[in-house]
PDB file of N, CA and C in Angstrom:
ATOM      1  N   MET A   1       0.848  -1.179   0.000  1.00  0.00           N
ATOM      2  CA  MET A   1       0.000   0.000   0.000  1.00  0.00           C
ATOM      3  C   MET A   1       0.893   1.242   0.000  1.00  0.00           C
ATOM      4  N   ILE A   2       0.487   2.232  -0.737  1.00  0.00           N
ATOM      5  CA  ILE A   2       1.261   3.473  -0.851  1.00  0.00           C
ATOM      6  C   ILE A   2       0.833   4.449   0.240  1.00  0.00           C
ATOM      7  N   ASP A   3       1.803   5.004   0.962  1.00  0.00           N
ATOM      8  CA  ASP A   3       1.548   6.037   1.958  1.00  0.00           C
ATOM      9  C   ASP A   3       1.496   7.401   1.273  1.00  0.00           C
ATOM     10  N   VAL A   4       0.557   8.236   1.717  1.00  0.00           N
ATOM     11  CA  VAL A   4       0.441   9.597   1.208  1.00  0.00           C
ATOM     12  C   VAL A   4       0.401  10.541   2.408  1.00  0.00           C
ATOM     13  N   ALA A   5       1.309  11.509   2.439  1.00  0.00           N
ATOM     14  CA  ALA A   5       1.360  12.471   3.537  1.00  0.00           C
ATOM     15  C   ALA A   5       0.271  13.525   3.377  1.00  0.00           C
ATOM     16  N   ILE A   6      -0.370  13.842   4.487  1.00  0.00           N
ATOM     17  CA  ILE A   6      -1.345  14.929   4.543  1.00  0.00           C
ATOM     18  C   ILE A   6      -0.896  15.845   5.670  1.00  0.00           C
ATOM     19  N   ILE A   7      -0.679  17.095   5.342  1.00  0.00           N
ATOM     20  CA  ILE A   7      -0.263  18.065   6.343  1.00  0.00           C
ATOM     21  C   ILE A   7      -1.505  18.737   6.908  1.00  0.00           C
ATOM     22  N   GLY A   8      -1.774  18.491   8.174  1.00  0.00           N
ATOM     23  CA  GLY A   8      -2.911  19.087   8.859  1.00  0.00           C
ATOM     24  C   GLY A   8      -4.084  18.140   8.977  1.00  0.00           C
ATOM     25  N   ALA A   9      -4.625  18.044  10.186  1.00  0.00           N
ATOM     26  CA  ALA A   9      -5.782  17.188  10.447  1.00  0.00           C
ATOM     27  C   ALA A   9      -7.010  18.024  10.766  1.00  0.00           C
ATOM     28  N   GLY A  10      -7.163  19.112  10.005  1.00  0.00           N
ATOM     29  CA  GLY A  10      -8.385  19.904  10.070  1.00  0.00           C
ATOM     30  C   GLY A  10      -9.395  19.319   9.098  1.00  0.00           C
ATOM     31  N   SER A  11     -10.412  20.075   8.776  1.00  0.00           N
ATOM     32  CA  SER A  11     -11.477  19.541   7.915  1.00  0.00           C
ATOM     33  C   SER A  11     -10.956  19.093   6.549  1.00  0.00           C
ATOM     34  N   ALA A  12     -10.102  19.863   5.909  1.00  0.00           N
ATOM     35  CA  ALA A  12      -9.586  19.478   4.587  1.00  0.00           C
ATOM     36  C   ALA A  12      -8.715  18.225   4.670  1.00  0.00           C
ATOM     37  N   GLY A  13      -7.876  18.151   5.682  1.00  0.00           N
ATOM     38  CA  GLY A  13      -7.020  16.981   5.845  1.00  0.00           C
ATOM     39  C   GLY A  13      -7.814  15.712   6.112  1.00  0.00           C
ATOM     40  N   LEU A  14      -8.871  15.823   6.918  1.00  0.00           N
ATOM     41  CA  LEU A  14      -9.698  14.656   7.223  1.00  0.00           C
ATOM     42  C   LEU A  14     -10.435  14.150   5.990  1.00  0.00           C
ATOM     43  N   VAL A  15     -10.981  15.082   5.203  1.00  0.00           N
ATOM     44  CA  VAL A  15     -11.679  14.687   3.975  1.00  0.00           C
ATOM     45  C   VAL A  15     -10.697  14.067   2.984  1.00  0.00           C
ATOM     46  N   ALA A  16      -9.519  14.662   2.859  1.00  0.00           N
ATOM     47  CA  ALA A  16      -8.506  14.100   1.959  1.00  0.00           C
ATOM     48  C   ALA A  16      -8.144  12.680   2.394  1.00  0.00           C
ATOM     49  N   ALA A  17      -7.966  12.472   3.688  1.00  0.00           N
ATOM     50  CA  ALA A  17      -7.629  11.145   4.202  1.00  0.00           C
ATOM     51  C   ALA A  17      -8.723  10.132   3.878  1.00  0.00           C
ATOM     52  N   ARG A  18      -9.960  10.534   4.072  1.00  0.00           N
ATOM     53  CA  ARG A  18     -11.079   9.629   3.778  1.00  0.00           C
ATOM     54  C   ARG A  18     -11.070   9.204   2.315  1.00  0.00           C
ATOM     55  N   HIS A  19     -10.851  10.152   1.411  1.00  0.00           N
ATOM     56  CA  HIS A  19     -10.896   9.824  -0.013  1.00  0.00           C
ATOM     57  C   HIS A  19      -9.653   9.042  -0.460  1.00  0.00           C
ATOM     58  N   LEU A  20      -8.542   9.268   0.183  1.00  0.00           N
ATOM     59  CA  LEU A  20      -7.354   8.449  -0.113  1.00  0.00           C
ATOM     60  C   LEU A  20      -7.598   6.998   0.280  1.00  0.00           C
ATOM     61  N   ILE A  21      -8.218   6.783   1.424  1.00  0.00           N
ATOM     62  CA  ILE A  21      -8.549   5.416   1.856  1.00  0.00           C
ATOM     63  C   ILE A  21      -9.463   4.752   0.838  1.00  0.00           C
ATOM     64  N   SER A  22     -10.480   5.484   0.373  1.00  0.00           N
ATOM     65  CA  SER A  22     -11.415   4.902  -0.600  1.00  0.00           C
ATOM     66  C   SER A  22     -10.735   4.606  -1.936  1.00  0.00           C
ATOM     67  N   ALA A  23      -9.591   5.264  -2.194  1.00  0.00           N
ATOM     68  CA  ALA A  23      -8.833   5.010  -3.419  1.00  0.00           C
ATOM     69  C   ALA A  23      -7.771   3.922  -3.216  1.00  0.00           C
ATOM     70  N   GLY A  24      -7.769   3.308  -2.033  1.00  0.00           N
ATOM     71  CA  GLY A  24      -6.819   2.227  -1.777  1.00  0.00           C
ATOM     72  C   GLY A  24      -5.444   2.688  -1.325  1.00  0.00           C
ATOM     73  N   LEU A  25      -5.331   3.935  -0.900  1.00  0.00           N
ATOM     74  CA  LEU A  25      -4.061   4.473  -0.427  1.00  0.00           C
ATOM     75  C   LEU A  25      -4.110   4.611   1.096  1.00  0.00           C
ATOM     76  N   ARG A  26      -2.947   4.783   1.713  1.00  0.00           N
ATOM     77  CA  ARG A  26      -2.892   4.928   3.165  1.00  0.00           C
ATOM     78  C   ARG A  26      -2.458   6.350   3.526  1.00  0.00           C
ATOM     79  N   PRO A  27      -3.380   7.155   4.066  1.00  0.00           N
ATOM     80  CA  PRO A  27      -3.004   8.514   4.462  1.00  0.00           C
ATOM     81  C   PRO A  27      -2.189   8.499   5.756  1.00  0.00           C
ATOM     82  N   VAL A  28      -1.206   9.380   5.813  1.00  0.00           N
ATOM     83  CA  VAL A  28      -0.429   9.591   7.025  1.00  0.00           C
ATOM     84  C   VAL A  28      -0.596  11.071   7.356  1.00  0.00           C
ATOM     85  N   LEU A  29      -1.359  11.337   8.419  1.00  0.00           N
ATOM     86  CA  LEU A  29      -1.674  12.712   8.803  1.00  0.00           C
ATOM     87  C   LEU A  29      -0.599  13.274   9.725  1.00  0.00           C
ATOM     88  N   PHE A  30      -0.166  14.490   9.428  1.00  0.00           N
ATOM     89  CA  PHE A  30       0.779  15.209  10.270  1.00  0.00           C
ATOM     90  C   PHE A  30       0.056  16.450  10.793  1.00  0.00           C
ATOM     91  N   GLU A  31      -0.035  16.554  12.099  1.00  0.00           N
ATOM     92  CA  GLU A  31      -0.768  17.658  12.728  1.00  0.00           C
ATOM     93  C   GLU A  31       0.082  18.224  13.859  1.00  0.00           C
ATOM     94  N   ALA A  32       0.123  19.546  13.963  1.00  0.00           N
ATOM     95  CA  ALA A  32       0.925  20.205  14.995  1.00  0.00           C
ATOM     96  C   ALA A  32       0.378  19.948  16.394  1.00  0.00           C
ATOM     97  N   ALA A  33      -0.932  19.803  16.523  1.00  0.00           N
ATOM     98  CA  ALA A  33      -1.540  19.546  17.829  1.00  0.00           C
ATOM     99  C   ALA A  33      -1.560  18.048  18.101  1.00  0.00           C
ATOM    100  N   LYS A  34      -1.886  17.685  19.319  1.00  0.00           N
ATOM    101  CA  LYS A  34      -1.979  16.270  19.678  1.00  0.00           C
ATOM    102  C   LYS A  34      -3.379  15.719  19.472  1.00  0.00           C
ATOM    103  N   THR A  35      -4.208  16.467  18.770  1.00  0.00           N
ATOM    104  CA  THR A  35      -5.574  16.056  18.489  1.00  0.00           C
ATOM    105  C   THR A  35      -5.937  16.551  17.096  1.00  0.00           C
ATOM    106  N   ILE A  36      -7.004  16.008  16.533  1.00  0.00           N
ATOM    107  CA  ILE A  36      -7.453  16.486  15.226  1.00  0.00           C
ATOM    108  C   ILE A  36      -8.185  17.809  15.411  1.00  0.00           C
ATOM    109  N   GLY A  37      -8.442  18.497  14.316  1.00  0.00           N
ATOM    110  CA  GLY A  37      -9.234  19.711  14.376  1.00  0.00           C
ATOM    111  C   GLY A  37      -8.617  20.906  13.695  1.00  0.00           C
ATOM    112  N   GLY A  38      -7.302  20.879  13.492  1.00  0.00           N
ATOM    113  CA  GLY A  38      -6.665  22.018  12.842  1.00  0.00           C
ATOM    114  C   GLY A  38      -6.949  23.302  13.577  1.00  0.00           C
ATOM    115  N   ALA A  39      -7.416  24.304  12.855  1.00  0.00           N
ATOM    116  CA  ALA A  39      -7.727  25.600  13.458  1.00  0.00           C
ATOM    117  C   ALA A  39      -8.835  25.492  14.489  1.00  0.00           C
ATOM    118  N   TRP A  40      -9.631  24.423  14.451  1.00  0.00           N
ATOM    119  CA  TRP A  40     -10.750  24.250  15.374  1.00  0.00           C
ATOM    120  C   TRP A  40     -10.375  23.456  16.610  1.00  0.00           C
ATOM    121  N   THR A  41      -9.096  23.446  16.953  1.00  0.00           N
ATOM    122  CA  THR A  41      -8.665  22.824  18.195  1.00  0.00           C
ATOM    123  C   THR A  41      -8.886  23.834  19.314  1.00  0.00           C
ATOM    124  N   PRO A  42      -9.755  23.511  20.273  1.00  0.00           N
ATOM    125  CA  PRO A  42     -10.019  24.481  21.331  1.00  0.00           C
ATOM    126  C   PRO A  42      -8.810  24.647  22.250  1.00  0.00           C
ATOM    127  N   MET A  43      -8.640  25.850  22.732  1.00  0.00           N
ATOM    128  CA  MET A  43      -7.579  26.105  23.703  1.00  0.00           C
ATOM    129  C   MET A  43      -8.108  25.817  25.097  1.00  0.00           C
ATOM    130  N   SER A  44      -7.232  25.401  26.003  1.00  0.00           N
ATOM    131  CA  SER A  44      -7.655  25.214  27.386  1.00  0.00           C
ATOM    132  C   SER A  44      -7.885  26.580  28.011  1.00  0.00           C
ATOM    133  N   SER A  45      -8.658  26.614  29.059  1.00  0.00           N
ATOM    134  CA  SER A  45      -8.973  27.898  29.683  1.00  0.00           C
ATOM    135  C   SER A  45      -7.713  28.592  30.192  1.00  0.00           C
ATOM    136  N   SER A  46      -6.679  27.831  30.525  1.00  0.00           N
ATOM    137  CA  SER A  46      -5.453  28.444  31.026  1.00  0.00           C
ATOM    138  C   SER A  46      -4.635  29.076  29.906  1.00  0.00           C
ATOM    139  N   ALA A  47      -4.963  28.747  28.651  1.00  0.00           N
ATOM    140  CA  ALA A  47      -4.183  29.287  27.539  1.00  0.00           C
ATOM    141  C   ALA A  47      -4.924  30.371  26.770  1.00  0.00           C
ATOM    142  N   VAL A  48      -6.115  30.723  27.194  1.00  0.00           N
ATOM    143  CA  VAL A  48      -6.948  31.662  26.449  1.00  0.00           C
ATOM    144  C   VAL A  48      -6.277  33.028  26.332  1.00  0.00           C
ATOM    145  N   LEU A  49      -6.094  33.459  25.083  1.00  0.00           N
ATOM    146  CA  LEU A  49      -5.594  34.786  24.751  1.00  0.00           C
ATOM    147  C   LEU A  49      -4.316  35.174  25.485  1.00  0.00           C
ATOM    148  N   GLN A  50      -3.465  34.213  25.757  1.00  0.00           N
ATOM    149  CA  GLN A  50      -2.192  34.503  26.392  1.00  0.00           C
ATOM    150  C   GLN A  50      -1.103  34.512  25.345  1.00  0.00           C
ATOM    151  N   THR A  51      -0.179  35.447  25.449  1.00  0.00           N
ATOM    152  CA  THR A  51       0.944  35.523  24.527  1.00  0.00           C
ATOM    153  C   THR A  51       2.016  34.551  24.976  1.00  0.00           C
ATOM    154  N   PRO A  52       2.500  33.670  24.078  1.00  0.00           N
ATOM    155  CA  PRO A  52       3.534  32.722  24.473  1.00  0.00           C
ATOM    156  C   PRO A  52       4.790  33.456  24.953  1.00  0.00           C
ATOM    157  N   SER A  53       5.351  32.952  26.012  1.00  0.00           N
ATOM    158  CA  SER A  53       6.609  33.458  26.537  1.00  0.00           C
ATOM    159  C   SER A  53       7.328  32.295  27.204  1.00  0.00           C
ATOM    160  N   PRO A  54       8.605  32.419  27.535  1.00  0.00           N
ATOM    161  CA  PRO A  54       9.328  31.298  28.127  1.00  0.00           C
ATOM    162  C   PRO A  54       8.650  30.707  29.356  1.00  0.00           C
ATOM    163  N   GLY A  55       7.985  31.519  30.164  1.00  0.00           N
ATOM    164  CA  GLY A  55       7.335  31.010  31.360  1.00  0.00           C
ATOM    165  C   GLY A  55       5.867  30.690  31.177  1.00  0.00           C
ATOM    166  N   ASN A  56       5.361  30.761  29.960  1.00  0.00           N
ATOM    167  CA  ASN A  56       3.935  30.583  29.695  1.00  0.00           C
ATOM    168  C   ASN A  56       3.761  29.510  28.626  1.00  0.00           C
ATOM    169  N   LYS A  57       3.744  28.253  29.040  1.00  0.00           N
ATOM    170  CA  LYS A  57       3.624  27.150  28.087  1.00  0.00           C
ATOM    171  C   LYS A  57       2.172  26.824  27.831  1.00  0.00           C
ATOM    172  N   GLN A  58       1.895  26.355  26.603  1.00  0.00           N
ATOM    173  CA  GLN A  58       0.554  25.929  26.248  1.00  0.00           C
ATOM    174  C   GLN A  58       0.276  24.567  26.851  1.00  0.00           C
ATOM    175  N   ASN A  59      -0.992  24.272  27.028  1.00  0.00           N
ATOM    176  CA  ASN A  59      -1.421  22.934  27.379  1.00  0.00           C
ATOM    177  C   ASN A  59      -1.007  22.020  26.225  1.00  0.00           C
ATOM    178  N   ASP A  60      -0.569  20.805  26.513  1.00  0.00           N
ATOM    179  CA  ASP A  60      -0.096  19.889  25.475  1.00  0.00           C
ATOM    180  C   ASP A  60      -1.156  19.553  24.436  1.00  0.00           C
ATOM    181  N   ASP A  61      -2.447  19.704  24.775  1.00  0.00           N
ATOM    182  CA  ASP A  61      -3.508  19.387  23.826  1.00  0.00           C
ATOM    183  C   ASP A  61      -3.836  20.559  22.908  1.00  0.00           C
ATOM    184  N   ASP A  62      -3.336  21.741  23.221  1.00  0.00           N
ATOM    185  CA  ASP A  62      -3.634  22.914  22.417  1.00  0.00           C
ATOM    186  C   ASP A  62      -2.898  22.871  21.086  1.00  0.00           C
ATOM    187  N   HIS A  63      -3.513  23.458  20.083  1.00  0.00           N
ATOM    188  CA  HIS A  63      -2.853  23.635  18.799  1.00  0.00           C
ATOM    189  C   HIS A  63      -1.896  24.799  18.972  1.00  0.00           C
ATOM    190  N   PRO A  64      -0.639  24.654  18.579  1.00  0.00           N
ATOM    191  CA  PRO A  64       0.323  25.723  18.820  1.00  0.00           C
ATOM    192  C   PRO A  64      -0.021  27.057  18.164  1.00  0.00           C
ATOM    193  N   ALA A  65      -0.811  27.037  17.104  1.00  0.00           N
ATOM    194  CA  ALA A  65      -1.151  28.289  16.419  1.00  0.00           C
ATOM    195  C   ALA A  65      -2.611  28.685  16.612  1.00  0.00           C
ATOM    196  N   SER A  66      -3.351  27.938  17.419  1.00  0.00           N
ATOM    197  CA  SER A  66      -4.777  28.191  17.570  1.00  0.00           C
ATOM    198  C   SER A  66      -5.048  29.502  18.297  1.00  0.00           C
ATOM    199  N   LYS A  67      -6.012  30.226  17.796  1.00  0.00           N
ATOM    200  CA  LYS A  67      -6.468  31.450  18.440  1.00  0.00           C
ATOM    201  C   LYS A  67      -7.915  31.281  18.913  1.00  0.00           C
ATOM    202  N   MET A  68      -8.377  30.046  18.959  1.00  0.00           N
ATOM    203  CA  MET A  68      -9.752  29.768  19.370  1.00  0.00           C
ATOM    204  C   MET A  68      -9.850  29.815  20.892  1.00  0.00           C
ATOM    205  N   TRP A  69     -10.968  30.309  21.383  1.00  0.00           N
ATOM    206  CA  TRP A  69     -11.202  30.323  22.819  1.00  0.00           C
ATOM    207  C   TRP A  69     -12.521  29.633  23.101  1.00  0.00           C
ATOM    208  N   SER A  70     -12.688  29.221  24.318  1.00  0.00           N
ATOM    209  CA  SER A  70     -13.891  28.516  24.719  1.00  0.00           C
ATOM    210  C   SER A  70     -15.120  29.359  24.396  1.00  0.00           C
ATOM    211  N   GLY A  71     -16.084  28.750  23.715  1.00  0.00           N
ATOM    212  CA  GLY A  71     -17.317  29.438  23.363  1.00  0.00           C
ATOM    213  C   GLY A  71     -17.273  30.207  22.058  1.00  0.00           C
ATOM    214  N   MET A  72     -16.092  30.327  21.437  1.00  0.00           N
ATOM    215  CA  MET A  72     -16.019  31.014  20.146  1.00  0.00           C
ATOM    216  C   MET A  72     -16.927  30.288  19.156  1.00  0.00           C
ATOM    217  N   ARG A  73     -17.552  31.041  18.258  1.00  0.00           N
ATOM    218  CA  ARG A  73     -18.471  30.460  17.275  1.00  0.00           C
ATOM    219  C   ARG A  73     -17.972  30.696  15.854  1.00  0.00           C
ATOM    220  N   THR A  74     -18.431  29.837  14.948  1.00  0.00           N
ATOM    221  CA  THR A  74     -18.131  30.033  13.539  1.00  0.00           C
ATOM    222  C   THR A  74     -18.895  31.246  13.038  1.00  0.00           C
ATOM    223  N   ASN A  75     -18.444  31.794  11.928  1.00  0.00           N
ATOM    224  CA  ASN A  75     -19.215  32.867  11.289  1.00  0.00           C
ATOM    225  C   ASN A  75     -20.033  32.303  10.131  1.00  0.00           C
ATOM    226  N   LEU A  76     -20.081  30.988  10.036  1.00  0.00           N
ATOM    227  CA  LEU A  76     -20.888  30.284   9.044  1.00  0.00           C
ATOM    228  C   LEU A  76     -21.890  29.398   9.778  1.00  0.00           C
ATOM    229  N   SER A  77     -23.077  29.273   9.242  1.00  0.00           N
ATOM    230  CA  SER A  77     -24.061  28.414   9.896  1.00  0.00           C
ATOM    231  C   SER A  77     -23.682  26.949   9.718  1.00  0.00           C
ATOM    232  N   LYS A  78     -24.245  26.118  10.552  1.00  0.00           N
ATOM    233  CA  LYS A  78     -23.985  24.677  10.454  1.00  0.00           C
ATOM    234  C   LYS A  78     -24.441  24.124   9.106  1.00  0.00           C
ATOM    235  N   TYR A  79     -25.366  24.812   8.454  1.00  0.00           N
ATOM    236  CA  TYR A  79     -25.848  24.361   7.146  1.00  0.00           C
ATOM    237  C   TYR A  79     -24.818  24.631   6.053  1.00  0.00           C
ATOM    238  N   THR A  80     -23.977  25.610   6.274  1.00  0.00           N
ATOM    239  CA  THR A  80     -22.949  25.982   5.304  1.00  0.00           C
ATOM    240  C   THR A  80     -21.656  25.199   5.512  1.00  0.00           C
ATOM    241  N   CYS A  81     -21.342  24.880   6.766  1.00  0.00           N
ATOM    242  CA  CYS A  81     -20.035  24.261   7.043  1.00  0.00           C
ATOM    243  C   CYS A  81     -20.148  22.803   7.481  1.00  0.00           C
ATOM    244  N   GLN A  82     -21.090  22.084   6.928  1.00  0.00           N
ATOM    245  CA  GLN A  82     -21.165  20.653   7.216  1.00  0.00           C
ATOM    246  C   GLN A  82     -20.719  19.870   5.991  1.00  0.00           C
ATOM    247  N   PHE A  83     -20.220  18.673   6.230  1.00  0.00           N
ATOM    248  CA  PHE A  83     -19.888  17.777   5.127  1.00  0.00           C
ATOM    249  C   PHE A  83     -21.193  17.286   4.515  1.00  0.00           C
ATOM    250  N   THR A  84     -21.235  17.172   3.195  1.00  0.00           N
ATOM    251  CA  THR A  84     -22.487  16.815   2.516  1.00  0.00           C
ATOM    252  C   THR A  84     -23.017  15.455   2.939  1.00  0.00           C
ATOM    253  N   ASP A  85     -22.131  14.552   3.334  1.00  0.00           N
ATOM    254  CA  ASP A  85     -22.563  13.206   3.697  1.00  0.00           C
ATOM    255  C   ASP A  85     -22.427  12.922   5.188  1.00  0.00           C
ATOM    256  N   PHE A  86     -22.315  13.978   5.988  1.00  0.00           N
ATOM    257  CA  PHE A  86     -22.148  13.792   7.430  1.00  0.00           C
ATOM    258  C   PHE A  86     -22.860  14.925   8.164  1.00  0.00           C
ATOM    259  N   PRO A  87     -24.138  14.721   8.508  1.00  0.00           N
ATOM    260  CA  PRO A  87     -24.912  15.796   9.140  1.00  0.00           C
ATOM    261  C   PRO A  87     -24.435  16.098  10.564  1.00  0.00           C
ATOM    262  N   TRP A  88     -24.744  17.303  10.995  1.00  0.00           N
ATOM    263  CA  TRP A  88     -24.454  17.696  12.378  1.00  0.00           C
ATOM    264  C   TRP A  88     -25.358  16.911  13.314  1.00  0.00           C
ATOM    265  N   PRO A  89     -24.908  16.678  14.539  1.00  0.00           N
ATOM    266  CA  PRO A  89     -25.788  16.022  15.515  1.00  0.00           C
ATOM    267  C   PRO A  89     -27.000  16.894  15.840  1.00  0.00           C
ATOM    268  N   GLU A  90     -28.091  16.255  16.185  1.00  0.00           N
ATOM    269  CA  GLU A  90     -29.304  16.967  16.597  1.00  0.00           C
ATOM    270  C   GLU A  90     -28.969  17.890  17.766  1.00  0.00           C
ATOM    271  N   GLY A  91     -29.470  19.105  17.719  1.00  0.00           N
ATOM    272  CA  GLY A  91     -29.259  20.038  18.812  1.00  0.00           C
ATOM    273  C   GLY A  91     -28.033  20.931  18.678  1.00  0.00           C
ATOM    274  N   THR A  92     -27.268  20.776  17.586  1.00  0.00           N
ATOM    275  CA  THR A  92     -26.107  21.638  17.377  1.00  0.00           C
ATOM    276  C   THR A  92     -26.566  23.067  17.159  1.00  0.00           C
ATOM    277  N   SER A  93     -25.841  24.013  17.727  1.00  0.00           N
ATOM    278  CA  SER A  93     -26.155  25.433  17.550  1.00  0.00           C
ATOM    279  C   SER A  93     -26.149  25.795  16.073  1.00  0.00           C
ATOM    280  N   THR A  94     -26.943  26.785  15.691  1.00  0.00           N
ATOM    281  CA  THR A  94     -26.956  27.247  14.302  1.00  0.00           C
ATOM    282  C   THR A  94     -25.563  27.722  13.887  1.00  0.00           C
ATOM    283  N   PHE A  95     -24.894  28.435  14.773  1.00  0.00           N
ATOM    284  CA  PHE A  95     -23.509  28.851  14.551  1.00  0.00           C
ATOM    285  C   PHE A  95     -22.665  28.108  15.587  1.00  0.00           C
ATOM    286  N   PRO A  96     -22.089  26.957  15.191  1.00  0.00           N
ATOM    287  CA  PRO A  96     -21.427  26.086  16.163  1.00  0.00           C
ATOM    288  C   PRO A  96     -20.260  26.759  16.893  1.00  0.00           C
ATOM    289  N   THR A  97     -20.100  26.356  18.157  1.00  0.00           N
ATOM    290  CA  THR A  97     -18.964  26.808  18.958  1.00  0.00           C
ATOM    291  C   THR A  97     -17.719  26.032  18.539  1.00  0.00           C
ATOM    292  N   VAL A  98     -16.568  26.499  18.988  1.00  0.00           N
ATOM    293  CA  VAL A  98     -15.318  25.794  18.697  1.00  0.00           C
ATOM    294  C   VAL A  98     -15.386  24.363  19.234  1.00  0.00           C
ATOM    295  N   GLU A  99     -16.014  24.184  20.381  1.00  0.00           N
ATOM    296  CA  GLU A  99     -16.127  22.837  20.949  1.00  0.00           C
ATOM    297  C   GLU A  99     -17.013  21.950  20.083  1.00  0.00           C
ATOM    298  N   GLU A 100     -18.127  22.510  19.571  1.00  0.00           N
ATOM    299  CA  GLU A 100     -18.999  21.733  18.684  1.00  0.00           C
ATOM    300  C   GLU A 100     -18.282  21.404  17.375  1.00  0.00           C
ATOM    301  N   MET A 101     -17.536  22.359  16.837  1.00  0.00           N
ATOM    302  CA  MET A 101     -16.771  22.106  15.603  1.00  0.00           C
ATOM    303  C   MET A 101     -15.759  20.994  15.830  1.00  0.00           C
ATOM    304  N   HIS A 102     -15.027  21.090  16.934  1.00  0.00           N
ATOM    305  CA  HIS A 102     -14.014  20.076  17.227  1.00  0.00           C
ATOM    306  C   HIS A 102     -14.662  18.707  17.409  1.00  0.00           C
ATOM    307  N   ASP A 103     -15.764  18.643  18.142  1.00  0.00           N
ATOM    308  CA  ASP A 103     -16.464  17.369  18.338  1.00  0.00           C
ATOM    309  C   ASP A 103     -16.969  16.805  17.014  1.00  0.00           C
ATOM    310  N   TYR A 104     -17.457  17.676  16.135  1.00  0.00           N
ATOM    311  CA  TYR A 104     -17.947  17.259  14.812  1.00  0.00           C
ATOM    312  C   TYR A 104     -16.807  16.655  13.990  1.00  0.00           C
ATOM    313  N   LEU A 105     -15.657  17.330  13.985  1.00  0.00           N
ATOM    314  CA  LEU A 105     -14.505  16.804  13.245  1.00  0.00           C
ATOM    315  C   LEU A 105     -13.991  15.509  13.866  1.00  0.00           C
ATOM    316  N   GLN A 106     -14.008  15.418  15.190  1.00  0.00           N
ATOM    317  CA  GLN A 106     -13.593  14.183  15.855  1.00  0.00           C
ATOM    318  C   GLN A 106     -14.539  13.044  15.494  1.00  0.00           C
ATOM    319  N   SER A 107     -15.835  13.322  15.477  1.00  0.00           N
ATOM    320  CA  SER A 107     -16.823  12.312  15.122  1.00  0.00           C
ATOM    321  C   SER A 107     -16.643  11.862  13.669  1.00  0.00           C
ATOM    322  N   TYR A 108     -16.359  12.805  12.775  1.00  0.00           N
ATOM    323  CA  TYR A 108     -16.093  12.472  11.369  1.00  0.00           C
ATOM    324  C   TYR A 108     -14.887  11.529  11.285  1.00  0.00           C
ATOM    325  N   SER A 109     -13.841  11.873  12.004  1.00  0.00           N
ATOM    326  CA  SER A 109     -12.645  11.043  12.024  1.00  0.00           C
ATOM    327  C   SER A 109     -12.947   9.655  12.585  1.00  0.00           C
ATOM    328  N   ASP A 110     -13.692   9.599  13.681  1.00  0.00           N
ATOM    329  CA  ASP A 110     -14.045   8.312  14.287  1.00  0.00           C
ATOM    330  C   ASP A 110     -14.882   7.458  13.351  1.00  0.00           C
ATOM    331  N   THR A 111     -15.744   8.100  12.565  1.00  0.00           N
ATOM    332  CA  THR A 111     -16.640   7.367  11.650  1.00  0.00           C
ATOM    333  C   THR A 111     -15.915   6.853  10.413  1.00  0.00           C
ATOM    334  N   PHE A 112     -15.040   7.680   9.823  1.00  0.00           N
ATOM    335  CA  PHE A 112     -14.477   7.330   8.527  1.00  0.00           C
ATOM    336  C   PHE A 112     -13.002   6.966   8.514  1.00  0.00           C
ATOM    337  N   LEU A 113     -12.267   7.261   9.569  1.00  0.00           N
ATOM    338  CA  LEU A 113     -10.817   7.082   9.510  1.00  0.00           C
ATOM    339  C   LEU A 113     -10.255   6.083  10.502  1.00  0.00           C
ATOM    340  N   GLN A 114     -11.092   5.418  11.255  1.00  0.00           N
ATOM    341  CA  GLN A 114     -10.591   4.464  12.232  1.00  0.00           C
ATOM    342  C   GLN A 114     -10.413   3.088  11.590  1.00  0.00           C
ATOM    343  N   ASP A 115      -9.380   2.398  12.045  1.00  0.00           N
ATOM    344  CA  ASP A 115      -9.122   1.034  11.521  1.00  0.00           C
ATOM    345  C   ASP A 115     -10.100   0.040  12.071  1.00  0.00           C
TER     346      ASP A 115
END
């Protein structure tokens, strides 16, 4: 099986990985954070809007470049930013929070990318 590198495990990287699998290839995802989500990786409350400095380390689960904070919402409705074949869970906010976005991407990954 041929390995194909994908840089980033945000929405585009996850979709690319899914389609590579369906084409008989093996995606290898490289992500700066220790979790999927790309820009939609929520920051811990201790890292919210803090400027990195030698004495101010990020939580290990945070995306190193993320500017998302708890409760932040998309500027697109859930109807605009959903995958065509993967609906949002019942009860999702019209303008999803960063946590809802991250959970949605995690669920997509769990559904289509797990061995």
